[in-house]
mmCIF file of all heavy atoms, coordinates in Angstrom:
data_MODEL
# 
_entry.id   MODEL 
# 
loop_
_atom_site.group_PDB 
_atom_site.id 
_atom_site.type_symbol 
_atom_site.label_atom_id 
_atom_site.label_alt_id 
_atom_site.label_comp_id 
_atom_site.label_asym_id 
_atom_site.label_entity_id 
_atom_site.label_seq_id 
_atom_site.pdbx_PDB_ins_code 
_atom_site.Cartn_x 
_atom_site.Cartn_y 
_atom_site.Cartn_z 
_atom_site.occupancy 
_atom_site.B_iso_or_equiv 
_atom_site.pdbx_formal_charge 
_atom_site.auth_seq_id 
_atom_site.auth_comp_id 
_atom_site.auth_asym_id 
_atom_site.auth_atom_id 
_atom_site.pdbx_PDB_model_num 
ATOM 1   N N   . ASN A 1 1  ? 68.381 139.755 133.474 1.00 0.00 ? 1  ASN A N   1 
ATOM 2   C CA  . ASN A 1 1  ? 67.210 140.451 132.994 1.00 0.00 ? 1  ASN A CA  1 
ATOM 3   C C   . ASN A 1 1  ? 66.161 139.475 132.447 1.00 0.00 ? 1  ASN A C   1 
ATOM 4   O O   . ASN A 1 1  ? 65.209 139.931 131.921 1.00 0.00 ? 1  ASN A O   1 
ATOM 5   C CB  . ASN A 1 1  ? 67.651 141.378 131.824 1.00 0.00 ? 1  ASN A CB  1 
ATOM 6   C CG  . ASN A 1 1  ? 68.574 142.424 132.331 1.00 0.00 ? 1  ASN A CG  1 
ATOM 7   O OD1 . ASN A 1 1  ? 68.795 142.659 133.490 1.00 0.00 ? 1  ASN A OD1 1 
ATOM 8   N ND2 . ASN A 1 1  ? 69.194 143.213 131.381 1.00 0.00 ? 1  ASN A ND2 1 
ATOM 9   N N   . ILE A 1 2  ? 66.367 138.244 132.575 1.00 0.00 ? 2  ILE A N   1 
ATOM 10  C CA  . ILE A 1 2  ? 65.593 137.260 131.910 1.00 0.00 ? 2  ILE A CA  1 
ATOM 11  C C   . ILE A 1 2  ? 64.460 136.907 132.843 1.00 0.00 ? 2  ILE A C   1 
ATOM 12  O O   . ILE A 1 2  ? 64.643 136.750 134.073 1.00 0.00 ? 2  ILE A O   1 
ATOM 13  C CB  . ILE A 1 2  ? 66.357 135.930 131.541 1.00 0.00 ? 2  ILE A CB  1 
ATOM 14  C CG1 . ILE A 1 2  ? 67.586 136.321 130.775 1.00 0.00 ? 2  ILE A CG1 1 
ATOM 15  C CG2 . ILE A 1 2  ? 65.516 135.011 130.813 1.00 0.00 ? 2  ILE A CG2 1 
ATOM 16  C CD1 . ILE A 1 2  ? 67.341 137.133 129.515 1.00 0.00 ? 2  ILE A CD1 1 
ATOM 17  N N   . ASP A 1 3  ? 63.253 136.745 132.345 1.00 0.00 ? 3  ASP A N   1 
ATOM 18  C CA  . ASP A 1 3  ? 62.044 136.375 133.151 1.00 0.00 ? 3  ASP A CA  1 
ATOM 19  C C   . ASP A 1 3  ? 62.073 134.843 133.342 1.00 0.00 ? 3  ASP A C   1 
ATOM 20  O O   . ASP A 1 3  ? 61.616 134.145 132.409 1.00 0.00 ? 3  ASP A O   1 
ATOM 21  C CB  . ASP A 1 3  ? 60.793 136.870 132.479 1.00 0.00 ? 3  ASP A CB  1 
ATOM 22  C CG  . ASP A 1 3  ? 59.556 136.474 133.296 1.00 0.00 ? 3  ASP A CG  1 
ATOM 23  O OD1 . ASP A 1 3  ? 59.688 136.272 134.520 1.00 0.00 ? 3  ASP A OD1 1 
ATOM 24  O OD2 . ASP A 1 3  ? 58.492 136.398 132.692 1.00 0.00 ? 3  ASP A OD2 1 
ATOM 25  N N   . SER A 1 4  ? 62.551 134.422 134.464 1.00 0.00 ? 4  SER A N   1 
ATOM 26  C CA  . SER A 1 4  ? 62.557 132.942 134.749 1.00 0.00 ? 4  SER A CA  1 
ATOM 27  C C   . SER A 1 4  ? 61.248 132.533 135.534 1.00 0.00 ? 4  SER A C   1 
ATOM 28  O O   . SER A 1 4  ? 61.104 131.409 135.848 1.00 0.00 ? 4  SER A O   1 
ATOM 29  C CB  . SER A 1 4  ? 63.759 132.541 135.544 1.00 0.00 ? 4  SER A CB  1 
ATOM 30  O OG  . SER A 1 4  ? 63.838 133.265 136.709 1.00 0.00 ? 4  SER A OG  1 
ATOM 31  N N   . SER A 1 5  ? 60.403 133.496 135.792 1.00 0.00 ? 5  SER A N   1 
ATOM 32  C CA  . SER A 1 5  ? 59.162 133.125 136.547 1.00 0.00 ? 5  SER A CA  1 
ATOM 33  C C   . SER A 1 5  ? 58.183 132.370 135.626 1.00 0.00 ? 5  SER A C   1 
ATOM 34  O O   . SER A 1 5  ? 57.256 131.749 136.142 1.00 0.00 ? 5  SER A O   1 
ATOM 35  C CB  . SER A 1 5  ? 58.469 134.418 137.100 1.00 0.00 ? 5  SER A CB  1 
ATOM 36  O OG  . SER A 1 5  ? 58.089 135.227 135.959 1.00 0.00 ? 5  SER A OG  1 
ATOM 37  N N   . SER A 1 6  ? 58.358 132.435 134.323 1.00 0.00 ? 6  SER A N   1 
ATOM 38  C CA  . SER A 1 6  ? 57.457 131.652 133.457 1.00 0.00 ? 6  SER A CA  1 
ATOM 39  C C   . SER A 1 6  ? 57.726 130.195 133.437 1.00 0.00 ? 6  SER A C   1 
ATOM 40  O O   . SER A 1 6  ? 56.965 129.373 132.969 1.00 0.00 ? 6  SER A O   1 
ATOM 41  C CB  . SER A 1 6  ? 57.586 132.217 131.999 1.00 0.00 ? 6  SER A CB  1 
ATOM 42  O OG  . SER A 1 6  ? 58.877 132.029 131.529 1.00 0.00 ? 6  SER A OG  1 
ATOM 43  N N   . ILE A 1 7  ? 58.884 129.757 133.967 1.00 0.00 ? 7  ILE A N   1 
ATOM 44  C CA  . ILE A 1 7  ? 59.220 128.384 134.058 1.00 0.00 ? 7  ILE A CA  1 
ATOM 45  C C   . ILE A 1 7  ? 58.626 127.772 135.331 1.00 0.00 ? 7  ILE A C   1 
ATOM 46  O O   . ILE A 1 7  ? 58.924 128.223 136.443 1.00 0.00 ? 7  ILE A O   1 
ATOM 47  C CB  . ILE A 1 7  ? 60.739 128.158 134.083 1.00 0.00 ? 7  ILE A CB  1 
ATOM 48  C CG1 . ILE A 1 7  ? 61.377 128.722 132.853 1.00 0.00 ? 7  ILE A CG1 1 
ATOM 49  C CG2 . ILE A 1 7  ? 61.104 126.683 134.210 1.00 0.00 ? 7  ILE A CG2 1 
ATOM 50  C CD1 . ILE A 1 7  ? 62.879 128.795 132.872 1.00 0.00 ? 7  ILE A CD1 1 
ATOM 51  N N   . THR A 1 8  ? 57.620 126.919 135.220 1.00 0.00 ? 8  THR A N   1 
ATOM 52  C CA  . THR A 1 8  ? 56.823 126.413 136.372 1.00 0.00 ? 8  THR A CA  1 
ATOM 53  C C   . THR A 1 8  ? 57.621 125.377 137.104 1.00 0.00 ? 8  THR A C   1 
ATOM 54  O O   . THR A 1 8  ? 57.641 125.375 138.356 1.00 0.00 ? 8  THR A O   1 
ATOM 55  C CB  . THR A 1 8  ? 55.531 125.815 135.895 1.00 0.00 ? 8  THR A CB  1 
ATOM 56  O OG1 . THR A 1 8  ? 55.737 124.879 134.908 1.00 0.00 ? 8  THR A OG1 1 
ATOM 57  C CG2 . THR A 1 8  ? 54.608 126.898 135.285 1.00 0.00 ? 8  THR A CG2 1 
ATOM 58  N N   . GLU A 1 9  ? 58.313 124.522 136.402 1.00 0.00 ? 9  GLU A N   1 
ATOM 59  C CA  . GLU A 1 9  ? 59.137 123.465 137.070 1.00 0.00 ? 9  GLU A CA  1 
ATOM 60  C C   . GLU A 1 9  ? 60.569 123.649 136.623 1.00 0.00 ? 9  GLU A C   1 
ATOM 61  O O   . GLU A 1 9  ? 60.863 123.503 135.447 1.00 0.00 ? 9  GLU A O   1 
ATOM 62  C CB  . GLU A 1 9  ? 58.645 122.086 136.643 1.00 0.00 ? 9  GLU A CB  1 
ATOM 63  C CG  . GLU A 1 9  ? 57.211 121.804 136.969 1.00 0.00 ? 9  GLU A CG  1 
ATOM 64  C CD  . GLU A 1 9  ? 56.691 120.510 136.360 1.00 0.00 ? 9  GLU A CD  1 
ATOM 65  O OE1 . GLU A 1 9  ? 57.540 119.694 135.848 1.00 0.00 ? 9  GLU A OE1 1 
ATOM 66  O OE2 . GLU A 1 9  ? 55.523 120.316 136.401 1.00 0.00 ? 9  GLU A OE2 1 
ATOM 67  N N   . PRO A 1 10 ? 61.441 123.948 137.557 1.00 0.00 ? 10 PRO A N   1 
ATOM 68  C CA  . PRO A 1 10 ? 62.843 124.147 137.229 1.00 0.00 ? 10 PRO A CA  1 
ATOM 69  C C   . PRO A 1 10 ? 63.492 122.875 136.713 1.00 0.00 ? 10 PRO A C   1 
ATOM 70  O O   . PRO A 1 10 ? 63.211 121.766 137.228 1.00 0.00 ? 10 PRO A O   1 
ATOM 71  C CB  . PRO A 1 10 ? 63.506 124.667 138.490 1.00 0.00 ? 10 PRO A CB  1 
ATOM 72  C CG  . PRO A 1 10 ? 62.622 124.237 139.552 1.00 0.00 ? 10 PRO A CG  1 
ATOM 73  C CD  . PRO A 1 10 ? 61.236 124.087 138.977 1.00 0.00 ? 10 PRO A CD  1 
ATOM 74  N N   . PHE A 1 11 ? 64.418 122.987 135.792 1.00 0.00 ? 11 PHE A N   1 
ATOM 75  C CA  . PHE A 1 11 ? 65.092 121.855 135.261 1.00 0.00 ? 11 PHE A CA  1 
ATOM 76  C C   . PHE A 1 11 ? 66.486 121.898 135.785 1.00 0.00 ? 11 PHE A C   1 
ATOM 77  O O   . PHE A 1 11 ? 67.100 122.933 135.938 1.00 0.00 ? 11 PHE A O   1 
ATOM 78  C CB  . PHE A 1 11 ? 65.136 121.923 133.705 1.00 0.00 ? 11 PHE A CB  1 
ATOM 79  C CG  . PHE A 1 11 ? 63.809 121.559 133.039 1.00 0.00 ? 11 PHE A CG  1 
ATOM 80  C CD1 . PHE A 1 11 ? 62.919 122.662 132.810 1.00 0.00 ? 11 PHE A CD1 1 
ATOM 81  C CD2 . PHE A 1 11 ? 63.505 120.343 132.701 1.00 0.00 ? 11 PHE A CD2 1 
ATOM 82  C CE1 . PHE A 1 11 ? 61.660 122.356 132.229 1.00 0.00 ? 11 PHE A CE1 1 
ATOM 83  C CE2 . PHE A 1 11 ? 62.287 120.066 132.073 1.00 0.00 ? 11 PHE A CE2 1 
ATOM 84  C CZ  . PHE A 1 11 ? 61.374 121.030 131.858 1.00 0.00 ? 11 PHE A CZ  1 
ATOM 85  N N   . ASN A 1 12 ? 67.050 120.713 136.066 1.00 0.00 ? 12 ASN A N   1 
ATOM 86  C CA  . ASN A 1 12 ? 68.413 120.576 136.462 1.00 0.00 ? 12 ASN A CA  1 
ATOM 87  C C   . ASN A 1 12 ? 69.274 120.190 135.192 1.00 0.00 ? 12 ASN A C   1 
ATOM 88  O O   . ASN A 1 12 ? 68.880 119.248 134.494 1.00 0.00 ? 12 ASN A O   1 
ATOM 89  C CB  . ASN A 1 12 ? 68.558 119.558 137.560 1.00 0.00 ? 12 ASN A CB  1 
ATOM 90  C CG  . ASN A 1 12 ? 67.943 119.982 138.813 1.00 0.00 ? 12 ASN A CG  1 
ATOM 91  O OD1 . ASN A 1 12 ? 67.988 121.190 139.144 1.00 0.00 ? 12 ASN A OD1 1 
ATOM 92  N ND2 . ASN A 1 12 ? 67.275 119.041 139.493 1.00 0.00 ? 12 ASN A ND2 1 
ATOM 93  N N   . TYR A 1 13 ? 70.354 120.812 135.020 1.00 0.00 ? 13 TYR A N   1 
ATOM 94  C CA  . TYR A 1 13 ? 71.271 120.492 133.972 1.00 0.00 ? 13 TYR A CA  1 
ATOM 95  C C   . TYR A 1 13 ? 72.571 119.902 134.567 1.00 0.00 ? 13 TYR A C   1 
ATOM 96  O O   . TYR A 1 13 ? 73.144 120.569 135.432 1.00 0.00 ? 13 TYR A O   1 
ATOM 97  C CB  . TYR A 1 13 ? 71.688 121.813 133.192 1.00 0.00 ? 13 TYR A CB  1 
ATOM 98  C CG  . TYR A 1 13 ? 70.480 122.343 132.380 1.00 0.00 ? 13 TYR A CG  1 
ATOM 99  C CD1 . TYR A 1 13 ? 69.483 123.023 133.033 1.00 0.00 ? 13 TYR A CD1 1 
ATOM 100 C CD2 . TYR A 1 13 ? 70.452 122.161 131.021 1.00 0.00 ? 13 TYR A CD2 1 
ATOM 101 C CE1 . TYR A 1 13 ? 68.375 123.595 132.331 1.00 0.00 ? 13 TYR A CE1 1 
ATOM 102 C CE2 . TYR A 1 13 ? 69.377 122.699 130.277 1.00 0.00 ? 13 TYR A CE2 1 
ATOM 103 C CZ  . TYR A 1 13 ? 68.399 123.438 130.925 1.00 0.00 ? 13 TYR A CZ  1 
ATOM 104 O OH  . TYR A 1 13 ? 67.361 123.970 130.222 1.00 0.00 ? 13 TYR A OH  1 
ATOM 105 N N   . SER A 1 14 ? 72.991 118.738 134.072 1.00 0.00 ? 14 SER A N   1 
ATOM 106 C CA  . SER A 1 14 ? 74.165 118.131 134.573 1.00 0.00 ? 14 SER A CA  1 
ATOM 107 C C   . SER A 1 14 ? 74.960 117.667 133.393 1.00 0.00 ? 14 SER A C   1 
ATOM 108 O O   . SER A 1 14 ? 74.450 117.283 132.382 1.00 0.00 ? 14 SER A O   1 
ATOM 109 C CB  . SER A 1 14 ? 73.933 117.021 135.584 1.00 0.00 ? 14 SER A CB  1 
ATOM 110 O OG  . SER A 1 14 ? 73.083 116.100 134.965 1.00 0.00 ? 14 SER A OG  1 
ATOM 111 N N   . ILE A 1 15 ? 76.336 117.628 133.579 1.00 0.00 ? 15 ILE A N   1 
ATOM 112 C CA  . ILE A 1 15 ? 77.187 117.246 132.514 1.00 0.00 ? 15 ILE A CA  1 
ATOM 113 C C   . ILE A 1 15 ? 77.369 115.706 132.649 1.00 0.00 ? 15 ILE A C   1 
ATOM 114 O O   . ILE A 1 15 ? 77.834 115.209 133.672 1.00 0.00 ? 15 ILE A O   1 
ATOM 115 C CB  . ILE A 1 15 ? 78.503 117.971 132.548 1.00 0.00 ? 15 ILE A CB  1 
ATOM 116 C CG1 . ILE A 1 15 ? 78.329 119.424 132.316 1.00 0.00 ? 15 ILE A CG1 1 
ATOM 117 C CG2 . ILE A 1 15 ? 79.544 117.401 131.528 1.00 0.00 ? 15 ILE A CG2 1 
ATOM 118 C CD1 . ILE A 1 15 ? 79.542 120.295 132.514 1.00 0.00 ? 15 ILE A CD1 1 
ATOM 119 N N   . ASN A 1 16 ? 77.103 114.971 131.575 1.00 0.00 ? 16 ASN A N   1 
ATOM 120 C CA  . ASN A 1 16 ? 77.309 113.503 131.517 1.00 0.00 ? 16 ASN A CA  1 
ATOM 121 C C   . ASN A 1 16 ? 78.689 113.202 131.042 1.00 0.00 ? 16 ASN A C   1 
ATOM 122 O O   . ASN A 1 16 ? 79.394 112.358 131.589 1.00 0.00 ? 16 ASN A O   1 
ATOM 123 C CB  . ASN A 1 16 ? 76.312 112.804 130.607 1.00 0.00 ? 16 ASN A CB  1 
ATOM 124 C CG  . ASN A 1 16 ? 74.975 112.603 131.326 1.00 0.00 ? 16 ASN A CG  1 
ATOM 125 O OD1 . ASN A 1 16 ? 74.894 112.668 132.564 1.00 0.00 ? 16 ASN A OD1 1 
ATOM 126 N ND2 . ASN A 1 16 ? 73.938 112.363 130.530 1.00 0.00 ? 16 ASN A ND2 1 
ATOM 127 N N   . LYS A 1 17 ? 79.059 113.879 129.953 1.00 0.00 ? 17 LYS A N   1 
ATOM 128 C CA  . LYS A 1 17 ? 80.364 113.508 129.282 1.00 0.00 ? 17 LYS A CA  1 
ATOM 129 C C   . LYS A 1 17 ? 80.938 114.773 128.704 1.00 0.00 ? 17 LYS A C   1 
ATOM 130 O O   . LYS A 1 17 ? 80.256 115.564 128.044 1.00 0.00 ? 17 LYS A O   1 
ATOM 131 C CB  . LYS A 1 17 ? 80.050 112.491 128.238 1.00 0.00 ? 17 LYS A CB  1 
ATOM 132 C CG  . LYS A 1 17 ? 81.213 112.001 127.535 1.00 0.00 ? 17 LYS A CG  1 
ATOM 133 C CD  . LYS A 1 17 ? 80.739 110.890 126.547 1.00 0.00 ? 17 LYS A CD  1 
ATOM 134 C CE  . LYS A 1 17 ? 81.746 110.583 125.499 1.00 0.00 ? 17 LYS A CE  1 
ATOM 135 N NZ  . LYS A 1 17 ? 81.213 109.608 124.481 1.00 0.00 ? 17 LYS A NZ  1 
ATOM 136 N N   . LYS A 1 18 ? 82.230 115.008 128.888 1.00 0.00 ? 18 LYS A N   1 
ATOM 137 C CA  . LYS A 1 18 ? 82.910 116.138 128.345 1.00 0.00 ? 18 LYS A CA  1 
ATOM 138 C C   . LYS A 1 18 ? 83.390 115.775 126.942 1.00 0.00 ? 18 LYS A C   1 
ATOM 139 O O   . LYS A 1 18 ? 83.913 114.649 126.704 1.00 0.00 ? 18 LYS A O   1 
ATOM 140 C CB  . LYS A 1 18 ? 84.127 116.547 129.178 1.00 0.00 ? 18 LYS A CB  1 
ATOM 141 C CG  . LYS A 1 18 ? 83.739 117.051 130.570 1.00 0.00 ? 18 LYS A CG  1 
ATOM 142 C CD  . LYS A 1 18 ? 84.911 117.281 131.382 1.00 0.00 ? 18 LYS A CD  1 
ATOM 143 C CE  . LYS A 1 18 ? 84.520 117.655 132.807 1.00 0.00 ? 18 LYS A CE  1 
ATOM 144 N NZ  . LYS A 1 18 ? 85.584 117.898 133.699 1.00 0.00 ? 18 LYS A NZ  1 
ATOM 145 N N   . LEU A 1 19 ? 83.189 116.656 125.996 1.00 0.00 ? 19 LEU A N   1 
ATOM 146 C CA  . LEU A 1 19 ? 83.675 116.439 124.611 1.00 0.00 ? 19 LEU A CA  1 
ATOM 147 C C   . LEU A 1 19 ? 84.703 117.499 124.214 1.00 0.00 ? 19 LEU A C   1 
ATOM 148 O O   . LEU A 1 19 ? 84.975 118.400 124.965 1.00 0.00 ? 19 LEU A O   1 
ATOM 149 C CB  . LEU A 1 19 ? 82.457 116.543 123.676 1.00 0.00 ? 19 LEU A CB  1 
ATOM 150 C CG  . LEU A 1 19 ? 81.236 115.628 123.980 1.00 0.00 ? 19 LEU A CG  1 
ATOM 151 C CD1 . LEU A 1 19 ? 80.112 115.940 123.043 1.00 0.00 ? 19 LEU A CD1 1 
ATOM 152 C CD2 . LEU A 1 19 ? 81.674 114.167 123.780 1.00 0.00 ? 19 LEU A CD2 1 
ATOM 153 N N   . LEU A 1 20 ? 85.283 117.274 123.077 1.00 0.00 ? 20 LEU A N   1 
ATOM 154 C CA  . LEU A 1 20 ? 86.335 118.280 122.673 1.00 0.00 ? 20 LEU A CA  1 
ATOM 155 C C   . LEU A 1 20 ? 85.760 119.628 122.355 1.00 0.00 ? 20 LEU A C   1 
ATOM 156 O O   . LEU A 1 20 ? 86.468 120.650 122.470 1.00 0.00 ? 20 LEU A O   1 
ATOM 157 C CB  . LEU A 1 20 ? 87.067 117.759 121.404 1.00 0.00 ? 20 LEU A CB  1 
ATOM 158 C CG  . LEU A 1 20 ? 87.962 116.492 121.629 1.00 0.00 ? 20 LEU A CG  1 
ATOM 159 C CD1 . LEU A 1 20 ? 88.516 115.993 120.315 1.00 0.00 ? 20 LEU A CD1 1 
ATOM 160 C CD2 . LEU A 1 20 ? 89.034 116.870 122.623 1.00 0.00 ? 20 LEU A CD2 1 
ATOM 161 N N   . ASN A 1 21 ? 84.521 119.701 121.939 1.00 0.00 ? 21 ASN A N   1 
ATOM 162 C CA  . ASN A 1 21 ? 83.965 120.995 121.573 1.00 0.00 ? 21 ASN A CA  1 
ATOM 163 C C   . ASN A 1 21 ? 82.670 121.263 122.365 1.00 0.00 ? 21 ASN A C   1 
ATOM 164 O O   . ASN A 1 21 ? 81.798 122.013 121.941 1.00 0.00 ? 21 ASN A O   1 
ATOM 165 C CB  . ASN A 1 21 ? 83.650 121.084 120.056 1.00 0.00 ? 21 ASN A CB  1 
ATOM 166 C CG  . ASN A 1 21 ? 82.555 120.077 119.716 1.00 0.00 ? 21 ASN A CG  1 
ATOM 167 O OD1 . ASN A 1 21 ? 82.342 119.082 120.415 1.00 0.00 ? 21 ASN A OD1 1 
ATOM 168 N ND2 . ASN A 1 21 ? 81.910 120.325 118.609 1.00 0.00 ? 21 ASN A ND2 1 
ATOM 169 N N   . GLY A 1 22 ? 82.463 120.656 123.552 1.00 0.00 ? 22 GLY A N   1 
ATOM 170 C CA  . GLY A 1 22 ? 81.331 120.881 124.349 1.00 0.00 ? 22 GLY A CA  1 
ATOM 171 C C   . GLY A 1 22 ? 81.094 119.729 125.311 1.00 0.00 ? 22 GLY A C   1 
ATOM 172 O O   . GLY A 1 22 ? 82.053 119.227 125.899 1.00 0.00 ? 22 GLY A O   1 
ATOM 173 N N   . ALA A 1 23 ? 79.809 119.387 125.516 1.00 0.00 ? 23 ALA A N   1 
ATOM 174 C CA  . ALA A 1 23 ? 79.505 118.360 126.522 1.00 0.00 ? 23 ALA A CA  1 
ATOM 175 C C   . ALA A 1 23 ? 78.130 117.744 126.192 1.00 0.00 ? 23 ALA A C   1 
ATOM 176 O O   . ALA A 1 23 ? 77.275 118.371 125.552 1.00 0.00 ? 23 ALA A O   1 
ATOM 177 C CB  . ALA A 1 23 ? 79.537 118.901 127.919 1.00 0.00 ? 23 ALA A CB  1 
ATOM 178 N N   . ASP A 1 24 ? 77.975 116.488 126.628 1.00 0.00 ? 24 ASP A N   1 
ATOM 179 C CA  . ASP A 1 24 ? 76.660 115.832 126.702 1.00 0.00 ? 24 ASP A CA  1 
ATOM 180 C C   . ASP A 1 24 ? 76.035 116.167 128.031 1.00 0.00 ? 24 ASP A C   1 
ATOM 181 O O   . ASP A 1 24 ? 76.684 115.996 129.032 1.00 0.00 ? 24 ASP A O   1 
ATOM 182 C CB  . ASP A 1 24 ? 76.826 114.313 126.507 1.00 0.00 ? 24 ASP A CB  1 
ATOM 183 C CG  . ASP A 1 24 ? 77.155 113.897 125.068 1.00 0.00 ? 24 ASP A CG  1 
ATOM 184 O OD1 . ASP A 1 24 ? 76.883 114.728 124.151 1.00 0.00 ? 24 ASP A OD1 1 
ATOM 185 O OD2 . ASP A 1 24 ? 77.662 112.789 124.879 1.00 0.00 ? 24 ASP A OD2 1 
ATOM 186 N N   . LEU A 1 25 ? 74.813 116.583 127.951 1.00 0.00 ? 25 LEU A N   1 
ATOM 187 C CA  . LEU A 1 25 ? 74.113 117.014 129.132 1.00 0.00 ? 25 LEU A CA  1 
ATOM 188 C C   . LEU A 1 25 ? 72.901 116.177 129.476 1.00 0.00 ? 25 LEU A C   1 
ATOM 189 O O   . LEU A 1 25 ? 72.443 115.391 128.578 1.00 0.00 ? 25 LEU A O   1 
ATOM 190 C CB  . LEU A 1 25 ? 73.593 118.492 129.032 1.00 0.00 ? 25 LEU A CB  1 
ATOM 191 C CG  . LEU A 1 25 ? 74.550 119.527 128.699 1.00 0.00 ? 25 LEU A CG  1 
ATOM 192 C CD1 . LEU A 1 25 ? 73.755 120.896 128.460 1.00 0.00 ? 25 LEU A CD1 1 
ATOM 193 C CD2 . LEU A 1 25 ? 75.601 119.743 129.720 1.00 0.00 ? 25 LEU A CD2 1 
ATOM 194 N N   . LEU A 1 26 ? 72.459 116.253 130.619 1.00 0.00 ? 26 LEU A N   1 
ATOM 195 C CA  . LEU A 1 26 ? 71.174 115.608 131.036 1.00 0.00 ? 26 LEU A CA  1 
ATOM 196 C C   . LEU A 1 26 ? 70.327 116.724 131.619 1.00 0.00 ? 26 LEU A C   1 
ATOM 197 O O   . LEU A 1 26 ? 70.644 117.371 132.576 1.00 0.00 ? 26 LEU A O   1 
ATOM 198 C CB  . LEU A 1 26 ? 71.414 114.472 132.071 1.00 0.00 ? 26 LEU A CB  1 
ATOM 199 C CG  . LEU A 1 26 ? 70.134 113.720 132.507 1.00 0.00 ? 26 LEU A CG  1 
ATOM 200 C CD1 . LEU A 1 26 ? 69.577 112.979 131.278 1.00 0.00 ? 26 LEU A CD1 1 
ATOM 201 C CD2 . LEU A 1 26 ? 70.405 112.778 133.649 1.00 0.00 ? 26 LEU A CD2 1 
ATOM 202 N N   . ILE A 1 27 ? 69.149 116.861 130.979 1.00 0.00 ? 27 ILE A N   1 
ATOM 203 C CA  . ILE A 1 27 ? 68.150 117.841 131.509 1.00 0.00 ? 27 ILE A CA  1 
ATOM 204 C C   . ILE A 1 27 ? 67.080 117.104 132.120 1.00 0.00 ? 27 ILE A C   1 
ATOM 205 O O   . ILE A 1 27 ? 66.432 116.232 131.537 1.00 0.00 ? 27 ILE A O   1 
ATOM 206 C CB  . ILE A 1 27 ? 67.523 118.663 130.282 1.00 0.00 ? 27 ILE A CB  1 
ATOM 207 C CG1 . ILE A 1 27 ? 68.619 119.417 129.523 1.00 0.00 ? 27 ILE A CG1 1 
ATOM 208 C CG2 . ILE A 1 27 ? 66.550 119.612 130.815 1.00 0.00 ? 27 ILE A CG2 1 
ATOM 209 C CD1 . ILE A 1 27 ? 68.189 120.074 128.241 1.00 0.00 ? 27 ILE A CD1 1 
# 
């Protein structure tokens, strides 16, 4: 239901490093 048309340039999210309670990402 989210309006993603307002985002002009899409971002890529990738996981750099897995942590015990989450992860480090690269946007």
